[in-house]
N, C-alpha and C. Protein backbone atom coordinates (compact mmCIF):
# COMPACT_ATOMS: atom_id res chain seq x y z
N MET A 1 108.26 55.06 81.59
CA MET A 1 108.23 56.27 80.75
C MET A 1 109.78 56.53 80.56
N LEU A 2 110.07 56.96 79.40
CA LEU A 2 111.41 57.53 79.15
C LEU A 2 111.35 58.93 78.82
N LEU A 3 112.13 59.75 79.50
CA LEU A 3 112.13 61.29 79.22
C LEU A 3 113.30 61.54 78.24
N VAL A 4 112.99 62.33 77.31
CA VAL A 4 114.02 62.64 76.29
C VAL A 4 114.26 64.21 76.36
N PRO A 5 115.31 64.70 77.16
CA PRO A 5 115.44 66.16 77.26
C PRO A 5 115.96 66.74 75.88
N GLY A 6 115.86 68.06 75.86
CA GLY A 6 116.20 68.68 74.58
C GLY A 6 117.76 68.94 74.43
N PRO A 7 118.29 68.26 73.43
CA PRO A 7 119.81 68.41 72.99
C PRO A 7 119.97 69.68 72.39
N GLU A 8 121.17 70.05 71.92
CA GLU A 8 121.52 71.11 71.19
C GLU A 8 120.80 70.90 69.91
N PRO A 9 120.30 71.96 69.06
CA PRO A 9 119.66 71.77 67.88
C PRO A 9 120.60 70.98 66.75
N SER A 10 121.73 71.16 66.91
CA SER A 10 122.85 70.56 65.93
C SER A 10 122.98 69.11 66.13
N TYR A 11 122.28 68.47 67.23
CA TYR A 11 122.48 67.15 67.54
C TYR A 11 122.19 66.21 66.40
N ARG A 12 122.98 65.19 66.22
CA ARG A 12 122.77 64.08 65.32
C ARG A 12 122.69 62.71 65.99
N ILE A 13 121.63 62.09 65.70
CA ILE A 13 121.41 60.77 66.40
C ILE A 13 122.33 59.71 65.95
N THR A 14 122.78 58.83 67.01
CA THR A 14 123.71 57.74 66.62
C THR A 14 122.74 56.52 66.37
N PRO A 15 123.22 55.47 65.59
CA PRO A 15 122.46 54.36 65.58
C PRO A 15 121.98 53.64 66.93
N GLU A 16 122.91 53.77 67.87
CA GLU A 16 122.49 53.05 69.20
C GLU A 16 121.36 53.88 69.83
N VAL A 17 121.42 55.22 69.55
CA VAL A 17 120.31 55.93 70.38
C VAL A 17 118.97 55.63 69.63
N ALA A 18 119.12 55.63 68.28
CA ALA A 18 117.86 55.35 67.41
C ALA A 18 117.27 53.89 67.74
N SER A 19 118.14 52.90 67.83
CA SER A 19 117.82 51.49 68.27
C SER A 19 117.17 51.49 69.72
N PHE A 20 117.68 52.26 70.61
CA PHE A 20 117.25 52.24 71.99
C PHE A 20 115.76 52.99 72.02
N LEU A 21 115.63 54.04 71.25
CA LEU A 21 114.32 54.67 71.32
C LEU A 21 113.28 53.74 70.48
N ASN A 22 113.65 53.20 69.53
CA ASN A 22 112.76 52.24 68.68
C ASN A 22 112.30 51.04 69.61
N ALA A 23 113.26 50.46 70.38
CA ALA A 23 112.88 49.32 71.12
C ALA A 23 112.06 49.86 72.30
N HIS A 24 112.32 50.90 72.97
CA HIS A 24 111.47 51.45 74.11
C HIS A 24 110.06 51.58 73.57
N VAL A 25 109.82 52.32 72.51
CA VAL A 25 108.51 52.51 71.89
C VAL A 25 107.83 51.25 71.44
N GLY A 26 108.69 50.40 70.73
CA GLY A 26 108.15 49.16 70.32
C GLY A 26 107.65 48.23 71.29
N ALA A 27 108.24 48.36 72.45
CA ALA A 27 107.69 47.62 73.61
C ALA A 27 106.44 48.12 74.25
N GLY A 28 105.94 49.24 73.65
CA GLY A 28 104.68 49.76 74.14
C GLY A 28 104.84 50.60 75.49
N ARG A 29 106.13 51.14 75.50
CA ARG A 29 106.37 52.17 76.80
C ARG A 29 106.15 53.48 76.19
N THR A 30 105.79 54.34 77.19
CA THR A 30 105.65 55.74 76.96
C THR A 30 106.94 56.58 76.82
N LEU A 31 107.04 57.50 75.82
CA LEU A 31 108.06 58.46 75.45
C LEU A 31 107.59 59.84 75.76
N LEU A 32 108.38 60.63 76.57
CA LEU A 32 107.98 62.05 76.72
C LEU A 32 109.12 62.87 76.31
N VAL A 33 108.91 63.66 75.34
CA VAL A 33 110.04 64.66 75.00
C VAL A 33 109.83 65.98 75.34
N ILE A 34 110.96 66.61 75.60
CA ILE A 34 110.91 67.99 76.06
C ILE A 34 111.69 68.83 75.08
N CYS A 35 111.14 69.86 74.64
CA CYS A 35 111.65 70.91 73.90
C CYS A 35 112.38 70.23 72.64
N THR A 36 113.64 70.37 72.40
CA THR A 36 114.31 69.88 71.17
C THR A 36 114.56 68.30 71.33
N GLY A 37 113.91 67.77 72.37
CA GLY A 37 113.90 66.22 72.50
C GLY A 37 113.27 65.66 71.33
N ILE A 38 112.37 66.49 70.71
CA ILE A 38 111.66 65.96 69.62
C ILE A 38 112.58 65.59 68.39
N LEU A 39 113.69 66.20 68.33
CA LEU A 39 114.59 65.87 67.29
C LEU A 39 115.17 64.41 67.24
N PRO A 40 115.68 63.91 68.32
CA PRO A 40 116.11 62.56 68.29
C PRO A 40 114.92 61.58 68.12
N ALA A 41 113.73 61.98 68.56
CA ALA A 41 112.50 61.14 68.38
C ALA A 41 112.34 61.12 66.86
N ALA A 42 112.20 62.20 66.11
CA ALA A 42 111.94 62.37 64.80
C ALA A 42 113.08 61.62 64.00
N MET A 43 114.23 61.83 64.22
CA MET A 43 115.37 61.23 63.59
C MET A 43 115.42 59.72 63.69
N SER A 44 114.88 59.30 64.89
CA SER A 44 114.80 57.75 64.93
C SER A 44 113.64 57.07 64.07
N GLY A 45 112.75 57.85 63.63
CA GLY A 45 111.73 57.38 62.70
C GLY A 45 110.47 56.96 63.58
N ILE A 46 110.54 56.99 64.94
CA ILE A 46 109.34 56.64 65.69
C ILE A 46 108.19 57.45 65.58
N LEU A 47 108.41 58.73 65.17
CA LEU A 47 107.15 59.52 64.90
C LEU A 47 106.59 59.51 63.57
N ASP A 48 107.10 58.78 62.70
CA ASP A 48 106.66 58.71 61.18
C ASP A 48 105.17 58.21 61.37
N GLY A 49 104.31 58.95 60.60
CA GLY A 49 102.77 58.67 60.46
C GLY A 49 102.13 59.15 61.88
N LEU A 50 102.80 59.66 62.72
CA LEU A 50 102.10 60.25 63.95
C LEU A 50 102.01 61.74 63.99
N ARG A 51 101.12 62.35 64.85
CA ARG A 51 100.96 63.72 64.97
C ARG A 51 101.90 64.10 66.13
N ALA A 52 102.75 65.17 65.80
CA ALA A 52 103.69 65.57 66.95
C ALA A 52 103.93 67.18 66.83
N THR A 53 104.57 67.75 67.71
CA THR A 53 104.79 69.18 67.64
C THR A 53 106.28 69.26 68.12
N ALA A 54 106.76 70.55 68.07
CA ALA A 54 108.04 70.95 68.39
C ALA A 54 108.19 72.34 68.97
N PRO A 55 109.19 72.80 69.37
CA PRO A 55 109.24 74.28 69.89
C PRO A 55 108.74 75.09 68.70
N LEU A 56 107.97 75.97 68.78
CA LEU A 56 107.33 76.70 67.70
C LEU A 56 108.28 77.27 66.79
N GLY A 57 109.41 77.68 67.11
CA GLY A 57 110.33 78.26 66.25
C GLY A 57 110.96 77.31 65.38
N ILE A 58 111.06 76.02 65.65
CA ILE A 58 111.67 75.13 64.68
C ILE A 58 110.69 74.24 64.00
N VAL A 59 109.30 74.62 64.16
CA VAL A 59 108.36 73.76 63.51
C VAL A 59 108.44 73.85 61.90
N PRO A 60 108.84 74.97 61.22
CA PRO A 60 108.97 74.84 59.82
C PRO A 60 110.18 74.03 59.43
N ILE A 61 111.25 74.02 60.30
CA ILE A 61 112.53 73.13 59.98
C ILE A 61 112.21 71.71 60.04
N VAL A 62 111.40 71.32 61.14
CA VAL A 62 111.16 69.86 61.34
C VAL A 62 110.04 69.42 60.26
N LYS A 63 109.27 70.28 59.95
CA LYS A 63 108.33 69.95 58.66
C LYS A 63 109.05 69.64 57.46
N GLN A 64 110.10 70.42 57.11
CA GLN A 64 110.90 70.20 55.97
C GLN A 64 111.74 68.88 56.11
N ASN A 65 112.36 68.80 57.23
CA ASN A 65 113.23 67.64 57.47
C ASN A 65 112.62 66.28 57.74
N PHE A 66 111.46 66.27 58.27
CA PHE A 66 110.78 65.05 58.68
C PHE A 66 109.38 65.00 58.11
N PRO A 67 109.16 64.95 56.92
CA PRO A 67 107.85 65.03 56.31
C PRO A 67 106.84 63.97 56.48
N LYS A 68 107.33 62.81 56.99
CA LYS A 68 106.42 61.68 57.32
C LYS A 68 105.73 61.89 58.74
N VAL A 69 106.20 62.90 59.51
CA VAL A 69 105.33 63.20 60.64
C VAL A 69 104.39 64.26 60.38
N GLU A 70 103.30 64.05 61.08
CA GLU A 70 102.10 65.17 60.89
C GLU A 70 102.24 66.29 61.94
N TRP A 71 103.04 67.32 61.50
CA TRP A 71 103.43 68.43 62.57
C TRP A 71 102.36 69.23 62.79
N THR A 72 102.15 69.70 64.14
CA THR A 72 101.13 70.78 64.55
C THR A 72 101.89 71.93 65.07
N GLU A 73 101.25 72.96 65.11
CA GLU A 73 101.82 74.09 65.71
C GLU A 73 101.10 74.47 67.15
N ARG A 74 101.27 73.50 67.90
CA ARG A 74 100.64 73.52 69.28
C ARG A 74 101.71 73.57 70.35
N ARG A 75 101.44 73.94 71.59
CA ARG A 75 102.52 73.93 72.56
C ARG A 75 102.81 72.44 73.08
N TRP A 76 101.80 71.51 72.98
CA TRP A 76 101.96 70.05 73.34
C TRP A 76 101.17 69.36 72.30
N GLU A 77 101.38 68.01 72.28
CA GLU A 77 100.73 67.01 71.44
C GLU A 77 100.86 65.67 72.07
N VAL A 78 99.79 64.88 71.87
CA VAL A 78 99.81 63.52 72.29
C VAL A 78 99.81 62.68 70.99
N ALA A 79 100.98 62.06 70.66
CA ALA A 79 101.11 61.17 69.48
C ALA A 79 100.70 59.80 69.77
N ALA A 80 99.50 59.36 69.58
CA ALA A 80 99.06 58.08 70.00
C ALA A 80 98.47 57.37 68.78
């Protein structure tokens, strides 16, 4: 399991981080994101086509910026 803690909301993913996250998930391993840790996950594209959530205050922002993700307004979500 890889734990992705929440970075500052202004964080921008690097190609190396995106590649690392994609390789981890692509190998069938579990990813657990906390708070704004959803941002690097969404930026990497690994959530495209999946159900996910974010801190409730930024759900409108992530819905606008990452429309390929099925965003919910819940406290937690299992994107399987």
